[in-house]
Amino acid sequence: MSTGSVWMRRARLSLTFALGVVILGLGVASVVLDHLTHQPGTGGPAADALVGAAGVVPATAVGTLLAEGKELREFSGRQYVLEEALAGDVALIEAWEADRWGNLTYKSSARNFNPVMAMAAKLTIAQAQHIVDLGVLDPEQVPTPGIFVQRVVHVPYGEPTVT
């Protein structure tokens, strides 16, 4: 068995356990997973969850079944479908470092969607590989300030898995 397959099994078990805890503990009625599910014609759940956005206007759904019954808008001569944005109740975030106030840093591509999802969710639970003392993190290197994080869980397991 290769190292990659061991990691993948561990990641699936970890994700399943974490989702199970959240779903059972908080009484979640439905779950939207970015990178695991994708609604064609939109930017995906992460793009739909833009902070403060009530809706998104993708052009790719115009003329498809996804556009049926939805409001069309025209901007600069091009048609767009008005889609209601998805609001996240819970965001499960993987961070490289965190302090006790919930300030987070990331490695590599983990920086792409984690900050946006943390800001869009009502409750953000961050899994951090390293917990550092207050003042250690450079404020200029913190893409997710603690104001958007409600829980931090220390889960040390080595180098970042995201590339």
N, C-alpha and C. Protein backbone atom coordinates (compact mmCIF):
# COMPACT_ATOMS: atom_id res chain seq x y z
N MET A 1 0.85 -1.18 0.00
CA MET A 1 0.00 0.00 0.00
C MET A 1 0.88 1.23 0.00
N SER A 2 0.63 2.16 -0.90
CA SER A 2 1.46 3.36 -1.00
C SER A 2 1.11 4.36 0.09
N THR A 3 2.02 5.29 0.33
CA THR A 3 1.80 6.33 1.34
C THR A 3 0.58 7.16 0.98
N GLY A 4 0.41 7.45 -0.31
CA GLY A 4 -0.72 8.25 -0.74
C GLY A 4 -2.06 7.62 -0.40
N SER A 5 -2.17 6.30 -0.59
CA SER A 5 -3.44 5.65 -0.30
C SER A 5 -3.71 5.60 1.20
N VAL A 6 -2.68 5.49 2.00
CA VAL A 6 -2.86 5.53 3.46
C VAL A 6 -3.36 6.91 3.86
N TRP A 7 -2.73 7.95 3.28
CA TRP A 7 -3.16 9.31 3.59
C TRP A 7 -4.60 9.54 3.17
N MET A 8 -4.97 9.06 1.96
CA MET A 8 -6.33 9.26 1.47
C MET A 8 -7.35 8.57 2.38
N ARG A 9 -7.03 7.36 2.82
CA ARG A 9 -7.95 6.67 3.73
C ARG A 9 -8.09 7.45 5.02
N ARG A 10 -6.95 7.93 5.55
CA ARG A 10 -6.96 8.70 6.78
C ARG A 10 -7.75 10.00 6.60
N ALA A 11 -7.57 10.66 5.45
CA ALA A 11 -8.28 11.91 5.19
C ALA A 11 -9.78 11.67 5.10
N ARG A 12 -10.19 10.58 4.42
CA ARG A 12 -11.62 10.28 4.31
C ARG A 12 -12.21 9.98 5.68
N LEU A 13 -11.49 9.20 6.50
CA LEU A 13 -11.98 8.89 7.84
C LEU A 13 -12.07 10.15 8.69
N SER A 14 -11.05 11.01 8.59
CA SER A 14 -11.03 12.25 9.35
C SER A 14 -12.19 13.15 8.94
N LEU A 15 -12.41 13.30 7.63
CA LEU A 15 -13.49 14.14 7.13
C LEU A 15 -14.84 13.56 7.54
N THR A 16 -15.00 12.25 7.40
CA THR A 16 -16.26 11.60 7.78
C THR A 16 -16.54 11.80 9.26
N PHE A 17 -15.52 11.61 10.09
CA PHE A 17 -15.69 11.78 11.53
C PHE A 17 -16.04 13.23 11.86
N ALA A 18 -15.29 14.18 11.27
CA ALA A 18 -15.53 15.59 11.56
C ALA A 18 -16.93 16.01 11.14
N LEU A 19 -17.36 15.60 9.94
CA LEU A 19 -18.70 15.93 9.49
C LEU A 19 -19.76 15.28 10.37
N GLY A 20 -19.49 14.05 10.78
CA GLY A 20 -20.44 13.36 11.66
C GLY A 20 -20.61 14.09 12.98
N VAL A 21 -19.52 14.56 13.55
CA VAL A 21 -19.57 15.30 14.81
C VAL A 21 -20.37 16.58 14.63
N VAL A 22 -20.09 17.31 13.57
CA VAL A 22 -20.80 18.56 13.32
C VAL A 22 -22.28 18.31 13.07
N ILE A 23 -22.58 17.33 12.21
CA ILE A 23 -23.97 17.05 11.86
C ILE A 23 -24.76 16.59 13.08
N LEU A 24 -24.20 15.67 13.86
CA LEU A 24 -24.91 15.17 15.03
C LEU A 24 -24.96 16.20 16.15
N GLY A 25 -23.85 16.89 16.39
CA GLY A 25 -23.77 17.83 17.50
C GLY A 25 -24.54 19.11 17.30
N LEU A 26 -24.68 19.55 16.07
CA LEU A 26 -25.33 20.83 15.81
C LEU A 26 -26.70 20.69 15.17
N GLY A 27 -27.11 19.48 14.88
CA GLY A 27 -28.41 19.26 14.26
C GLY A 27 -28.49 19.83 12.86
N VAL A 28 -27.42 19.69 12.08
CA VAL A 28 -27.38 20.21 10.72
C VAL A 28 -28.33 19.43 9.85
N ALA A 29 -29.15 20.15 9.07
CA ALA A 29 -30.13 19.50 8.21
C ALA A 29 -29.57 19.12 6.85
N SER A 30 -28.61 19.91 6.34
CA SER A 30 -28.03 19.60 5.05
C SER A 30 -26.58 20.07 5.03
N VAL A 31 -25.80 19.49 4.12
CA VAL A 31 -24.38 19.78 4.03
C VAL A 31 -24.04 20.10 2.58
N VAL A 32 -23.27 21.18 2.37
CA VAL A 32 -22.75 21.51 1.05
C VAL A 32 -21.24 21.41 1.15
N LEU A 33 -20.64 20.58 0.30
CA LEU A 33 -19.20 20.37 0.34
C LEU A 33 -18.56 20.94 -0.91
N ASP A 34 -17.63 21.87 -0.72
CA ASP A 34 -16.92 22.39 -1.88
C ASP A 34 -15.79 21.43 -2.22
N HIS A 35 -15.43 21.34 -3.47
CA HIS A 35 -14.44 20.43 -4.02
C HIS A 35 -14.95 18.99 -4.08
N LEU A 36 -16.03 18.67 -3.40
CA LEU A 36 -16.61 17.33 -3.50
C LEU A 36 -17.90 17.37 -4.31
N THR A 37 -18.58 18.52 -4.27
CA THR A 37 -19.78 18.69 -5.08
C THR A 37 -19.62 19.96 -5.87
N HIS A 38 -20.34 20.06 -6.96
CA HIS A 38 -20.26 21.26 -7.77
C HIS A 38 -21.56 21.42 -8.53
N GLN A 39 -22.13 22.57 -8.48
CA GLN A 39 -23.36 22.85 -9.20
C GLN A 39 -22.98 23.44 -10.55
N PRO A 40 -23.19 22.70 -11.64
CA PRO A 40 -22.81 23.22 -12.95
C PRO A 40 -23.50 24.54 -13.25
N GLY A 41 -22.79 25.41 -13.93
CA GLY A 41 -23.37 26.70 -14.30
C GLY A 41 -23.06 27.79 -13.31
N THR A 42 -22.44 27.45 -12.20
CA THR A 42 -22.05 28.47 -11.22
C THR A 42 -20.57 28.31 -10.95
N GLY A 43 -20.06 29.13 -10.08
CA GLY A 43 -18.65 29.05 -9.73
C GLY A 43 -18.39 28.00 -8.69
N GLY A 44 -19.39 27.23 -8.30
CA GLY A 44 -19.24 26.24 -7.23
C GLY A 44 -19.64 26.86 -5.90
N PRO A 45 -19.83 26.03 -4.88
CA PRO A 45 -20.27 26.53 -3.58
C PRO A 45 -19.35 27.60 -2.99
N ALA A 46 -18.04 27.48 -3.17
CA ALA A 46 -17.14 28.48 -2.60
C ALA A 46 -17.35 29.84 -3.24
N ALA A 47 -17.53 29.87 -4.54
CA ALA A 47 -17.77 31.15 -5.22
C ALA A 47 -19.13 31.71 -4.84
N ASP A 48 -20.11 30.84 -4.63
CA ASP A 48 -21.45 31.29 -4.27
C ASP A 48 -21.50 31.86 -2.87
N ALA A 49 -20.56 31.48 -2.03
CA ALA A 49 -20.58 31.90 -0.63
C ALA A 49 -19.81 33.19 -0.40
N LEU A 50 -19.66 33.99 -1.43
CA LEU A 50 -18.92 35.25 -1.29
C LEU A 50 -19.47 36.05 -0.12
N VAL A 51 -18.58 36.57 0.67
CA VAL A 51 -18.98 37.27 1.88
C VAL A 51 -19.84 38.47 1.54
N GLY A 52 -21.02 38.52 2.14
CA GLY A 52 -21.91 39.64 1.95
C GLY A 52 -22.71 39.62 0.66
N ALA A 53 -22.47 38.67 -0.20
CA ALA A 53 -23.19 38.63 -1.48
C ALA A 53 -24.53 37.93 -1.30
N ALA A 54 -25.58 38.56 -1.82
CA ALA A 54 -26.90 37.95 -1.78
C ALA A 54 -27.12 37.03 -2.96
N GLY A 55 -26.33 37.23 -4.01
CA GLY A 55 -26.47 36.42 -5.19
C GLY A 55 -25.27 36.55 -6.10
N VAL A 56 -25.18 35.64 -7.05
CA VAL A 56 -24.12 35.67 -8.04
C VAL A 56 -24.76 35.64 -9.42
N VAL A 57 -24.05 36.09 -10.42
CA VAL A 57 -24.61 36.16 -11.76
C VAL A 57 -23.70 35.48 -12.78
N PRO A 58 -23.74 34.13 -12.84
CA PRO A 58 -22.91 33.43 -13.84
C PRO A 58 -23.55 33.50 -15.22
N ALA A 59 -22.71 33.65 -16.22
CA ALA A 59 -23.20 33.68 -17.60
C ALA A 59 -23.30 32.27 -18.17
N THR A 60 -22.62 31.32 -17.56
CA THR A 60 -22.54 29.97 -18.13
C THR A 60 -23.86 29.22 -18.10
N ALA A 61 -24.81 29.60 -17.26
CA ALA A 61 -26.07 28.88 -17.17
C ALA A 61 -27.13 29.38 -18.14
N VAL A 62 -26.91 30.49 -18.80
CA VAL A 62 -27.89 31.07 -19.72
C VAL A 62 -28.19 30.07 -20.83
N GLY A 63 -29.49 29.83 -21.06
CA GLY A 63 -29.91 28.93 -22.12
C GLY A 63 -29.89 27.46 -21.74
N THR A 64 -29.63 27.13 -20.48
CA THR A 64 -29.61 25.73 -20.03
C THR A 64 -30.80 25.47 -19.11
N LEU A 65 -30.96 24.21 -18.71
CA LEU A 65 -32.03 23.86 -17.77
C LEU A 65 -31.86 24.56 -16.43
N LEU A 66 -30.63 24.87 -16.06
CA LEU A 66 -30.39 25.55 -14.79
C LEU A 66 -30.97 26.96 -14.76
N ALA A 67 -31.17 27.56 -15.92
CA ALA A 67 -31.67 28.92 -16.00
C ALA A 67 -33.20 28.99 -15.98
N GLU A 68 -33.86 27.86 -16.19
CA GLU A 68 -35.33 27.86 -16.25
C GLU A 68 -35.93 28.34 -14.94
N GLY A 69 -36.84 29.32 -15.05
CA GLY A 69 -37.53 29.85 -13.89
C GLY A 69 -36.73 30.83 -13.06
N LYS A 70 -35.53 31.18 -13.52
CA LYS A 70 -34.69 32.12 -12.78
C LYS A 70 -34.62 33.45 -13.50
N GLU A 71 -34.38 34.48 -12.73
CA GLU A 71 -34.31 35.83 -13.28
C GLU A 71 -33.04 36.01 -14.11
N LEU A 72 -33.22 36.60 -15.30
CA LEU A 72 -32.08 36.92 -16.16
C LEU A 72 -31.78 38.41 -16.05
N ARG A 73 -30.50 38.74 -16.04
CA ARG A 73 -30.06 40.14 -16.01
C ARG A 73 -29.12 40.37 -17.18
N GLU A 74 -29.12 41.59 -17.69
CA GLU A 74 -28.21 41.93 -18.78
C GLU A 74 -27.23 42.99 -18.31
N PHE A 75 -25.95 42.73 -18.51
CA PHE A 75 -24.89 43.66 -18.19
C PHE A 75 -24.01 43.80 -19.42
N SER A 76 -23.82 45.02 -19.88
CA SER A 76 -22.97 45.30 -21.04
C SER A 76 -23.33 44.43 -22.24
N GLY A 77 -24.63 44.22 -22.44
CA GLY A 77 -25.09 43.48 -23.60
C GLY A 77 -25.01 41.97 -23.47
N ARG A 78 -24.63 41.45 -22.32
CA ARG A 78 -24.52 40.00 -22.13
C ARG A 78 -25.52 39.54 -21.07
N GLN A 79 -26.18 38.40 -21.31
CA GLN A 79 -27.17 37.85 -20.39
C GLN A 79 -26.50 37.06 -19.26
N TYR A 80 -27.05 37.19 -18.06
CA TYR A 80 -26.58 36.47 -16.89
C TYR A 80 -27.78 35.93 -16.12
N VAL A 81 -27.58 34.82 -15.40
CA VAL A 81 -28.63 34.25 -14.58
C VAL A 81 -28.39 34.68 -13.14
N LEU A 82 -29.42 35.21 -12.48
CA LEU A 82 -29.28 35.60 -11.09
C LEU A 82 -29.47 34.36 -10.22
N GLU A 83 -28.42 33.97 -9.52
CA GLU A 83 -28.45 32.80 -8.64
C GLU A 83 -28.35 33.27 -7.20
N GLU A 84 -29.19 32.73 -6.33
CA GLU A 84 -29.10 33.06 -4.91
C GLU A 84 -27.83 32.43 -4.34
N ALA A 85 -27.08 33.20 -3.58
CA ALA A 85 -25.84 32.70 -2.99
C ALA A 85 -26.14 31.68 -1.90
N LEU A 86 -25.24 30.71 -1.76
CA LEU A 86 -25.37 29.72 -0.69
C LEU A 86 -24.74 30.30 0.58
N ALA A 87 -25.46 30.23 1.67
CA ALA A 87 -24.93 30.70 2.94
C ALA A 87 -24.49 29.49 3.75
N GLY A 88 -23.28 29.50 4.23
CA GLY A 88 -22.76 28.37 5.00
C GLY A 88 -23.05 28.51 6.47
N ASP A 89 -23.55 27.45 7.08
CA ASP A 89 -23.73 27.45 8.53
C ASP A 89 -22.41 27.15 9.22
N VAL A 90 -21.68 26.17 8.70
CA VAL A 90 -20.42 25.74 9.32
C VAL A 90 -19.33 25.63 8.26
N ALA A 91 -18.16 26.16 8.56
CA ALA A 91 -16.99 25.99 7.69
C ALA A 91 -15.95 25.19 8.45
N LEU A 92 -15.48 24.09 7.86
CA LEU A 92 -14.40 23.29 8.43
C LEU A 92 -13.14 23.67 7.68
N ILE A 93 -12.21 24.32 8.38
CA ILE A 93 -11.03 24.92 7.77
C ILE A 93 -9.78 24.20 8.24
N GLU A 94 -8.85 23.94 7.31
CA GLU A 94 -7.56 23.38 7.68
C GLU A 94 -6.52 24.50 7.61
N ALA A 95 -5.88 24.79 8.74
CA ALA A 95 -4.87 25.85 8.81
C ALA A 95 -3.51 25.26 9.17
N TRP A 96 -2.47 26.00 8.83
CA TRP A 96 -1.12 25.58 9.19
C TRP A 96 -0.80 26.01 10.62
N GLU A 97 -1.07 27.28 10.94
CA GLU A 97 -0.83 27.79 12.29
C GLU A 97 -2.06 28.55 12.77
N ALA A 98 -2.24 28.54 14.09
CA ALA A 98 -3.32 29.32 14.71
C ALA A 98 -2.87 29.75 16.09
N ASP A 99 -3.43 30.86 16.56
CA ASP A 99 -3.22 31.23 17.96
C ASP A 99 -4.55 31.05 18.68
N ARG A 100 -4.56 31.28 19.98
CA ARG A 100 -5.77 31.01 20.75
C ARG A 100 -6.91 31.97 20.42
N TRP A 101 -6.63 33.07 19.77
CA TRP A 101 -7.68 33.98 19.34
C TRP A 101 -8.28 33.58 18.00
N GLY A 102 -7.72 32.57 17.34
CA GLY A 102 -8.27 32.10 16.08
C GLY A 102 -7.67 32.72 14.83
N ASN A 103 -6.60 33.50 14.98
CA ASN A 103 -5.90 34.00 13.79
C ASN A 103 -5.26 32.82 13.08
N LEU A 104 -5.41 32.73 11.75
CA LEU A 104 -4.97 31.55 11.01
C LEU A 104 -4.00 31.90 9.89
N THR A 105 -3.03 30.99 9.67
CA THR A 105 -2.17 31.06 8.49
C THR A 105 -2.32 29.73 7.76
N TYR A 106 -1.98 29.74 6.47
CA TYR A 106 -2.14 28.56 5.62
C TYR A 106 -0.86 28.30 4.86
N LYS A 107 -0.76 27.09 4.30
CA LYS A 107 0.33 26.73 3.40
C LYS A 107 -0.27 26.49 2.02
N SER A 108 0.43 26.93 1.00
CA SER A 108 0.12 26.64 -0.40
C SER A 108 -1.31 27.00 -0.78
N SER A 109 -1.97 26.09 -1.48
CA SER A 109 -3.30 26.38 -2.01
C SER A 109 -4.40 26.36 -0.96
N ALA A 110 -4.07 25.99 0.26
CA ALA A 110 -5.08 26.06 1.34
C ALA A 110 -5.52 27.51 1.54
N ARG A 111 -4.72 28.44 1.05
CA ARG A 111 -5.02 29.86 1.18
C ARG A 111 -6.08 30.32 0.17
N ASN A 112 -6.42 29.49 -0.81
CA ASN A 112 -7.35 29.90 -1.87
C ASN A 112 -8.77 30.10 -1.37
N PHE A 113 -9.38 29.07 -0.79
CA PHE A 113 -10.79 29.15 -0.40
C PHE A 113 -11.03 29.19 1.10
N ASN A 114 -10.07 28.73 1.91
CA ASN A 114 -10.30 28.70 3.36
C ASN A 114 -10.64 30.07 3.94
N PRO A 115 -9.92 31.16 3.61
CA PRO A 115 -10.30 32.45 4.18
C PRO A 115 -11.70 32.89 3.78
N VAL A 116 -12.08 32.67 2.52
CA VAL A 116 -13.41 33.07 2.05
C VAL A 116 -14.50 32.28 2.77
N MET A 117 -14.28 30.97 2.90
CA MET A 117 -15.29 30.13 3.56
C MET A 117 -15.40 30.48 5.05
N ALA A 118 -14.27 30.80 5.68
CA ALA A 118 -14.31 31.20 7.10
C ALA A 118 -15.12 32.46 7.28
N MET A 119 -14.99 33.40 6.36
CA MET A 119 -15.73 34.66 6.46
C MET A 119 -17.21 34.49 6.14
N ALA A 120 -17.56 33.51 5.31
CA ALA A 120 -18.94 33.34 4.86
C ALA A 120 -19.79 32.53 5.84
N ALA A 121 -19.17 31.70 6.66
CA ALA A 121 -19.93 30.79 7.53
C ALA A 121 -20.34 31.47 8.83
N LYS A 122 -21.41 30.96 9.40
CA LYS A 122 -21.86 31.45 10.70
C LYS A 122 -20.97 30.91 11.82
N LEU A 123 -20.47 29.67 11.64
CA LEU A 123 -19.57 29.04 12.61
C LEU A 123 -18.37 28.48 11.86
N THR A 124 -17.16 28.88 12.25
CA THR A 124 -15.95 28.37 11.63
C THR A 124 -15.16 27.56 12.63
N ILE A 125 -14.87 26.31 12.27
CA ILE A 125 -14.05 25.42 13.09
C ILE A 125 -12.75 25.21 12.33
N ALA A 126 -11.64 25.64 12.92
CA ALA A 126 -10.34 25.53 12.26
C ALA A 126 -9.54 24.39 12.87
N GLN A 127 -9.02 23.53 12.01
CA GLN A 127 -8.10 22.46 12.40
C GLN A 127 -6.70 22.98 12.09
N ALA A 128 -5.88 23.16 13.12
CA ALA A 128 -4.54 23.72 12.91
C ALA A 128 -3.47 22.70 13.28
N GLN A 129 -2.43 22.65 12.45
CA GLN A 129 -1.32 21.74 12.74
C GLN A 129 -0.42 22.27 13.84
N HIS A 130 -0.36 23.60 13.96
CA HIS A 130 0.50 24.21 14.98
C HIS A 130 -0.28 25.29 15.71
N ILE A 131 -0.26 25.25 17.04
CA ILE A 131 -0.84 26.30 17.86
C ILE A 131 0.33 27.11 18.42
N VAL A 132 0.30 28.42 18.18
CA VAL A 132 1.40 29.28 18.61
C VAL A 132 0.90 30.28 19.65
N ASP A 133 1.83 30.87 20.39
CA ASP A 133 1.48 31.87 21.40
C ASP A 133 0.99 33.15 20.72
N LEU A 134 0.20 33.93 21.47
CA LEU A 134 -0.26 35.21 20.96
C LEU A 134 0.94 36.09 20.65
N GLY A 135 0.88 36.80 19.53
CA GLY A 135 1.95 37.70 19.14
C GLY A 135 3.00 37.07 18.24
N VAL A 136 3.00 35.75 18.11
CA VAL A 136 3.98 35.07 17.26
C VAL A 136 3.65 35.26 15.78
N LEU A 137 2.38 35.22 15.42
CA LEU A 137 1.98 35.36 14.02
C LEU A 137 2.12 36.82 13.57
N ASP A 138 2.76 37.01 12.43
CA ASP A 138 2.90 38.34 11.84
C ASP A 138 1.53 38.75 11.29
N PRO A 139 0.97 39.85 11.76
CA PRO A 139 -0.36 40.27 11.28
C PRO A 139 -0.44 40.42 9.77
N GLU A 140 0.66 40.73 9.11
CA GLU A 140 0.67 40.87 7.66
C GLU A 140 0.56 39.52 6.95
N GLN A 141 0.77 38.43 7.68
CA GLN A 141 0.74 37.09 7.10
C GLN A 141 -0.49 36.29 7.55
N VAL A 142 -1.49 36.96 8.10
CA VAL A 142 -2.70 36.30 8.61
C VAL A 142 -3.87 36.60 7.67
N PRO A 143 -4.19 35.68 6.75
CA PRO A 143 -5.31 35.92 5.83
C PRO A 143 -6.68 35.77 6.49
N THR A 144 -6.75 35.03 7.61
CA THR A 144 -8.02 34.87 8.31
C THR A 144 -7.86 35.37 9.74
N PRO A 145 -8.37 36.56 10.04
CA PRO A 145 -8.30 37.06 11.41
C PRO A 145 -9.26 36.32 12.32
N GLY A 146 -8.94 36.29 13.59
CA GLY A 146 -9.71 35.54 14.57
C GLY A 146 -11.16 35.92 14.70
N ILE A 147 -11.56 37.10 14.24
CA ILE A 147 -12.96 37.51 14.33
C ILE A 147 -13.88 36.57 13.56
N PHE A 148 -13.33 35.85 12.56
CA PHE A 148 -14.13 34.95 11.74
C PHE A 148 -14.06 33.49 12.21
N VAL A 149 -13.32 33.20 13.29
CA VAL A 149 -13.10 31.82 13.74
C VAL A 149 -13.67 31.66 15.15
N GLN A 150 -14.53 30.66 15.33
CA GLN A 150 -15.14 30.43 16.64
C GLN A 150 -14.50 29.28 17.41
N ARG A 151 -13.91 28.31 16.71
CA ARG A 151 -13.29 27.15 17.37
C ARG A 151 -11.97 26.82 16.69
N VAL A 152 -10.96 26.44 17.49
CA VAL A 152 -9.67 26.00 16.97
C VAL A 152 -9.35 24.65 17.59
N VAL A 153 -9.03 23.67 16.75
CA VAL A 153 -8.69 22.32 17.19
C VAL A 153 -7.25 22.03 16.75
N HIS A 154 -6.41 21.59 17.68
CA HIS A 154 -5.02 21.28 17.36
C HIS A 154 -4.94 19.83 16.88
N VAL A 155 -4.54 19.64 15.62
CA VAL A 155 -4.39 18.31 15.03
C VAL A 155 -3.03 18.26 14.34
N PRO A 156 -1.96 17.91 15.09
CA PRO A 156 -0.63 17.86 14.47
C PRO A 156 -0.45 16.58 13.67
N TYR A 157 0.00 16.70 12.41
CA TYR A 157 0.27 15.51 11.62
C TYR A 157 1.33 15.72 10.56
N GLY A 158 2.24 16.65 10.74
CA GLY A 158 3.38 16.76 9.83
C GLY A 158 3.23 17.86 8.81
N GLU A 159 3.86 17.64 7.65
CA GLU A 159 3.88 18.63 6.59
C GLU A 159 2.48 18.82 6.00
N PRO A 160 2.22 19.98 5.38
CA PRO A 160 0.91 20.22 4.79
C PRO A 160 0.58 19.19 3.71
N THR A 161 -0.69 18.82 3.66
CA THR A 161 -1.14 17.84 2.67
C THR A 161 -1.62 18.52 1.41
N VAL A 162 -1.80 19.82 1.45
CA VAL A 162 -2.31 20.57 0.31
C VAL A 162 -1.13 21.05 -0.52
N THR A 163 -1.24 20.96 -1.84
CA THR A 163 -0.15 21.43 -2.71
C THR A 163 -0.61 22.55 -3.59
